[in-house]
Amino acid sequence: MSSTTPDLSPIAQALADAAAAQSMHYFRTPLDIITKADESPVTLADRAAETAMREILGARVPADGIYGEEHGPERLDAERVWVLDPIDGTRSFITGSPLWGTLIGVLQGGRVVLGMVDMPVLKERWIGQAGQGATRDGQPVRVSGCTEVAKARIVTTSPDIFAPADWAAFDRLSRQCAMRRFGGDCYGYAQLAGGTIDLVVETGLQPYDYLGPAGLIEAAGGVITDWQGQPLGLKSDGRVIAAATPELHRQAMAILAA
């Protein structure tokens, strides 16, 4: 880790603990579901969890910026910005599936330096920091060594996230892989960091959907960019490709662009 970048993991851990306390209180209970302007669902649990996270950041790092799904941006011109998704996979949460999580990403000078995927129901906490590697519940994890599309295991959340042209590109790529799977929301990125999935390809994402996973995957030795191979940031177009190795990443991007 850079000498100018402090160890941010204790704050990230506190944020995840606070979010889990709120979300697990509501999980598998009757919920009032609100439909946002983009037609995505949100619940009181989402908003309560993000509020709890923001209170911690306000107390511990008040000068830092915040980009959250539920309560909007604050101080995005700050040197360090925390990117929060209190419940990634709200549809999974609403339907009682355990495959939802809390995502935390930290940008320092516009570069991702920390990423967390916390899975409260599964009791798995995946965290990666630049220069420090990645762990699951404190145990080191690393991406697989897969270098060929033909041997790759690929996952995406749902066919429904793709526009027609993007679906055609994903379908073309995924049918050349050894295995393709659907579902899992943010958990697919954790699986890639842990070496059991080799490719994740998605579209229509927001910064709070991909910057937490980006920090985790890069720390675990993987590659994650937009579909043009550009680094991910707050202004990326929402099309994401994550791969276990640079070789696999290049092959997959070429097929997507064909």
Protein backbone atom coordinates (compact mmCIF):
# COMPACT_ATOMS: atom_id res chain seq x y z
CA MET A 1 0.00 0.00 0.00
CA SER A 2 1.22 3.49 -0.79
CA SER A 3 2.64 5.42 2.14
CA THR A 4 0.04 8.10 1.36
CA THR A 5 -2.85 5.64 1.54
CA PRO A 6 -3.72 4.59 5.10
CA ASP A 7 -5.14 1.20 5.96
CA LEU A 8 -8.81 1.80 5.29
CA SER A 9 -9.97 -1.72 6.09
CA PRO A 10 -11.04 -1.00 9.70
CA ILE A 11 -13.43 1.69 8.45
CA ALA A 12 -14.70 -0.59 5.68
CA GLN A 13 -15.27 -3.36 8.21
CA ALA A 14 -17.24 -0.99 10.43
CA LEU A 15 -19.36 0.09 7.47
CA ALA A 16 -20.12 -3.51 6.53
CA ASP A 17 -21.02 -4.39 10.11
CA ALA A 18 -23.40 -1.44 10.33
CA ALA A 19 -25.05 -2.22 7.00
CA ALA A 20 -25.47 -5.90 7.91
CA ALA A 21 -27.09 -5.04 11.24
CA GLN A 22 -29.73 -3.02 9.41
CA SER A 23 -30.29 -5.28 6.41
CA MET A 24 -30.44 -8.54 8.36
CA HIS A 25 -33.07 -6.98 10.65
CA TYR A 26 -35.36 -6.70 7.61
CA PHE A 27 -34.32 -9.80 5.63
CA ARG A 28 -37.15 -12.29 5.03
CA THR A 29 -39.72 -10.06 6.72
CA PRO A 30 -42.68 -8.30 5.06
CA LEU A 31 -41.35 -5.26 3.20
CA ASP A 32 -42.79 -2.16 1.60
CA ILE A 33 -41.24 -2.01 -1.87
CA ILE A 34 -40.76 1.32 -3.61
CA THR A 35 -40.09 1.57 -7.35
CA LYS A 36 -37.47 4.18 -8.23
CA ALA A 37 -37.46 6.33 -11.37
CA ASP A 38 -35.30 3.77 -13.21
CA GLU A 39 -37.86 1.07 -12.28
CA SER A 40 -35.48 -0.65 -9.87
CA PRO A 41 -36.87 -1.60 -6.45
CA VAL A 42 -35.76 -0.15 -3.13
CA THR A 43 -36.81 -0.97 0.43
CA LEU A 44 -36.54 0.63 3.84
CA ALA A 45 -33.66 -1.78 4.48
CA ASP A 46 -31.59 -0.28 1.64
CA ARG A 47 -32.06 3.23 2.95
CA ALA A 48 -31.51 2.37 6.61
CA ALA A 49 -28.30 0.49 5.81
CA GLU A 50 -26.86 3.35 3.77
CA THR A 51 -27.81 5.89 6.44
CA ALA A 52 -25.91 3.85 9.03
CA MET A 53 -22.86 3.71 6.76
CA ARG A 54 -22.93 7.45 6.12
CA GLU A 55 -23.13 8.19 9.84
CA ILE A 56 -19.88 6.27 10.40
CA LEU A 57 -18.12 8.07 7.55
CA GLY A 58 -19.33 11.41 8.82
CA ALA A 59 -17.88 10.67 12.25
CA ARG A 60 -14.58 9.10 11.16
CA VAL A 61 -13.63 10.71 7.84
CA PRO A 62 -15.81 13.82 7.51
CA ALA A 63 -13.75 15.35 4.68
CA ASP A 64 -14.12 12.29 2.42
CA GLY A 65 -16.62 12.16 -0.41
CA ILE A 66 -19.51 9.70 -0.64
CA TYR A 67 -21.21 8.23 -3.69
CA GLY A 68 -24.14 6.12 -2.52
CA GLU A 69 -27.00 4.42 -4.31
CA GLU A 70 -29.79 5.58 -2.05
CA HIS A 71 -28.89 9.07 -0.80
CA GLY A 72 -26.86 10.64 -3.60
CA PRO A 73 -23.36 12.09 -3.93
CA GLU A 74 -21.47 14.30 -1.50
CA ARG A 75 -18.06 15.97 -1.97
CA LEU A 76 -17.10 14.07 -5.13
CA ASP A 77 -14.18 16.49 -5.57
CA ALA A 78 -12.56 15.14 -2.38
CA GLU A 79 -9.24 13.31 -2.67
CA ARG A 80 -10.89 10.16 -1.30
CA VAL A 81 -14.42 9.02 -2.16
CA TRP A 82 -16.34 6.10 -0.64
CA VAL A 83 -18.69 4.35 -3.07
CA LEU A 84 -21.52 2.51 -1.31
CA ASP A 85 -24.19 0.02 -2.31
CA PRO A 86 -25.89 -1.07 0.92
CA ILE A 87 -27.83 -3.92 -0.71
CA ASP A 88 -26.62 -5.02 -4.11
CA GLY A 89 -29.20 -7.46 -5.38
CA THR A 90 -32.34 -5.87 -3.97
CA ARG A 91 -34.50 -8.29 -5.99
CA SER A 92 -32.67 -11.19 -4.34
CA PHE A 93 -33.16 -9.55 -0.95
CA ILE A 94 -36.89 -9.06 -1.58
CA THR A 95 -37.38 -12.66 -2.69
CA GLY A 96 -35.45 -14.15 0.22
CA SER A 97 -32.40 -15.29 -1.75
CA PRO A 98 -29.10 -15.16 0.19
CA LEU A 99 -27.13 -13.91 -2.83
CA TRP A 100 -27.22 -10.20 -2.08
CA GLY A 101 -24.41 -8.21 -0.59
CA THR A 102 -23.01 -4.90 0.54
CA LEU A 103 -20.48 -3.28 -1.79
CA ILE A 104 -17.85 -0.77 -0.69
CA GLY A 105 -15.29 0.82 -2.97
CA VAL A 106 -12.77 3.54 -2.19
CA LEU A 107 -11.32 5.89 -4.77
CA GLN A 108 -8.11 7.71 -3.90
CA GLY A 109 -7.22 10.36 -6.46
CA GLY A 110 -9.63 8.68 -8.86
CA ARG A 111 -8.02 5.24 -8.50
CA VAL A 112 -9.65 2.29 -6.76
CA VAL A 113 -7.59 1.41 -3.68
CA LEU A 114 -10.04 -0.78 -1.73
CA GLY A 115 -12.95 -3.00 -2.59
CA MET A 116 -15.28 -5.11 -0.47
CA VAL A 117 -18.06 -7.58 -1.22
CA ASP A 118 -19.79 -8.50 2.04
CA MET A 119 -22.35 -11.33 1.99
CA PRO A 120 -24.20 -11.13 5.32
CA VAL A 121 -26.40 -14.23 4.90
CA LEU A 122 -23.50 -16.38 3.72
CA LYS A 123 -21.25 -14.84 6.41
CA GLU A 124 -18.52 -14.23 3.84
CA ARG A 125 -16.54 -10.98 3.75
CA TRP A 126 -14.31 -10.44 0.74
CA ILE A 127 -11.94 -7.49 0.84
CA GLY A 128 -9.00 -6.34 -1.27
CA GLN A 129 -6.62 -3.42 -0.98
CA ALA A 130 -4.13 -2.15 -3.53
CA GLY A 131 -0.75 -3.71 -2.81
CA GLN A 132 -2.14 -5.88 -0.01
CA GLY A 133 -3.87 -8.72 -1.83
CA ALA A 134 -7.38 -10.01 -1.20
CA THR A 135 -8.98 -12.14 1.50
CA ARG A 136 -12.19 -13.97 2.31
CA ASP A 137 -12.80 -13.86 6.06
CA GLY A 138 -9.12 -13.13 6.58
CA GLN A 139 -7.83 -15.98 4.40
CA PRO A 140 -5.91 -15.06 1.22
CA VAL A 141 -7.70 -15.58 -2.10
CA ARG A 142 -6.53 -15.25 -5.67
CA VAL A 143 -8.03 -15.49 -9.13
CA SER A 144 -7.64 -18.62 -11.24
CA GLY A 145 -4.93 -18.89 -13.86
CA CYS A 146 -7.37 -19.40 -16.74
CA THR A 147 -6.04 -17.89 -19.98
CA GLU A 148 -8.42 -19.33 -22.61
CA VAL A 149 -12.04 -18.50 -23.32
CA ALA A 150 -12.68 -22.12 -24.26
CA LYS A 151 -11.79 -23.20 -20.71
CA ALA A 152 -13.47 -20.31 -18.90
CA ARG A 153 -16.43 -20.32 -16.53
CA ILE A 154 -18.51 -17.18 -17.16
CA VAL A 155 -21.31 -15.64 -15.13
CA THR A 156 -23.67 -12.69 -15.42
CA THR A 157 -26.59 -11.63 -13.26
CA SER A 158 -29.40 -12.00 -15.81
CA PRO A 159 -30.11 -11.83 -19.55
CA ASP A 160 -32.52 -9.02 -18.66
CA ILE A 161 -29.69 -6.54 -17.92
CA PHE A 162 -28.56 -6.49 -21.58
CA ALA A 163 -29.77 -4.31 -24.42
CA PRO A 164 -30.24 -6.41 -27.60
CA ALA A 165 -26.86 -5.58 -29.17
CA ASP A 166 -25.02 -6.18 -25.89
CA TRP A 167 -26.87 -9.46 -25.38
CA ALA A 168 -25.77 -10.62 -28.83
CA ALA A 169 -22.16 -9.87 -27.88
CA PHE A 170 -22.46 -11.61 -24.51
CA ASP A 171 -24.19 -14.62 -26.04
CA ARG A 172 -21.45 -14.91 -28.67
CA LEU A 173 -18.76 -14.86 -25.98
CA SER A 174 -20.49 -17.06 -23.42
CA ARG A 175 -21.28 -19.83 -25.91
CA GLN A 176 -17.55 -20.19 -26.53
CA CYS A 177 -16.87 -20.69 -22.81
CA ALA A 178 -16.68 -24.01 -21.02
CA MET A 179 -19.57 -23.09 -18.71
CA ARG A 180 -21.98 -20.17 -18.39
CA ARG A 181 -24.12 -19.37 -15.41
CA PHE A 182 -26.76 -16.77 -14.57
CA GLY A 183 -27.61 -15.25 -11.21
CA GLY A 184 -25.69 -14.27 -8.13
CA ASP A 185 -25.65 -10.47 -8.46
CA CYS A 186 -22.43 -9.26 -6.82
CA TYR A 187 -21.42 -12.75 -5.70
CA GLY A 188 -20.07 -13.57 -9.16
CA TYR A 189 -17.33 -11.01 -8.65
CA ALA A 190 -16.39 -12.56 -5.32
CA GLN A 191 -16.28 -15.98 -6.96
CA LEU A 192 -13.94 -14.60 -9.60
CA ALA A 193 -11.67 -13.20 -6.88
CA GLY A 194 -11.69 -16.62 -5.24
CA GLY A 195 -10.83 -18.55 -8.41
CA THR A 196 -14.06 -20.47 -8.99
CA ILE A 197 -15.32 -18.21 -11.81
CA ASP A 198 -13.08 -16.88 -14.60
CA LEU A 199 -15.18 -14.22 -16.36
CA VAL A 200 -17.94 -11.79 -15.37
CA VAL A 201 -19.54 -9.67 -18.10
CA GLU A 202 -22.36 -7.23 -17.41
CA THR A 203 -24.00 -4.02 -18.65
CA GLY A 204 -26.25 -1.32 -17.26
CA LEU A 205 -24.28 -0.95 -14.04
CA GLN A 206 -23.72 2.12 -11.88
CA PRO A 207 -20.46 3.06 -10.07
CA TYR A 208 -21.76 1.65 -6.80
CA ASP A 209 -22.32 -1.69 -8.59
CA TYR A 210 -18.79 -2.11 -9.94
CA LEU A 211 -16.21 -0.10 -7.96
CA GLY A 212 -16.34 -2.30 -4.85
CA PRO A 213 -15.89 -5.47 -6.95
CA ALA A 214 -13.16 -3.71 -8.97
CA GLY A 215 -11.02 -3.10 -5.90
CA LEU A 216 -11.46 -6.71 -4.78
CA ILE A 217 -10.70 -8.28 -8.15
CA GLU A 218 -7.64 -6.16 -8.86
CA ALA A 219 -6.23 -6.96 -5.41
CA ALA A 220 -6.84 -10.67 -6.08
CA GLY A 221 -4.76 -10.46 -9.28
CA GLY A 222 -7.56 -10.13 -11.83
CA VAL A 223 -8.42 -7.56 -14.49
CA ILE A 224 -11.61 -5.49 -14.59
CA THR A 225 -12.39 -2.72 -17.08
CA ASP A 226 -15.14 -1.41 -19.30
CA TRP A 227 -15.77 -3.23 -22.60
CA GLN A 228 -13.19 -1.00 -24.33
CA GLY A 229 -10.50 -1.96 -21.84
CA GLN A 230 -10.54 1.38 -20.01
CA PRO A 231 -10.19 1.60 -16.21
CA LEU A 232 -13.44 1.90 -14.28
CA GLY A 233 -14.39 5.14 -12.58
CA LEU A 234 -17.37 7.25 -11.61
CA LYS A 235 -18.02 8.17 -15.26
CA SER A 236 -17.70 4.74 -16.89
CA ASP A 237 -20.54 3.65 -19.20
CA GLY A 238 -21.71 0.74 -17.05
CA ARG A 239 -20.48 -2.07 -19.30
CA VAL A 240 -18.05 -4.20 -17.28
CA ILE A 241 -15.79 -7.13 -18.06
CA ALA A 242 -13.81 -8.87 -15.32
CA ALA A 243 -11.34 -11.66 -16.05
CA ALA A 244 -8.93 -13.86 -14.14
CA THR A 245 -5.94 -13.04 -16.36
CA PRO A 246 -4.86 -10.41 -18.90
CA GLU A 247 -4.80 -13.08 -21.64
CA LEU A 248 -8.39 -14.11 -20.95
CA HIS A 249 -9.45 -10.47 -20.73
CA ARG A 250 -7.97 -9.68 -24.17
CA GLN A 251 -9.59 -12.71 -25.81
CA ALA A 252 -12.99 -11.98 -24.27
CA MET A 253 -12.91 -8.31 -25.27
CA ALA A 254 -12.06 -9.25 -28.85
CA ILE A 255 -15.07 -11.58 -29.03
CA LEU A 256 -17.37 -8.95 -27.53
CA ALA A 257 -16.22 -6.45 -30.16
CA ALA A 258 -16.41 -8.86 -33.13
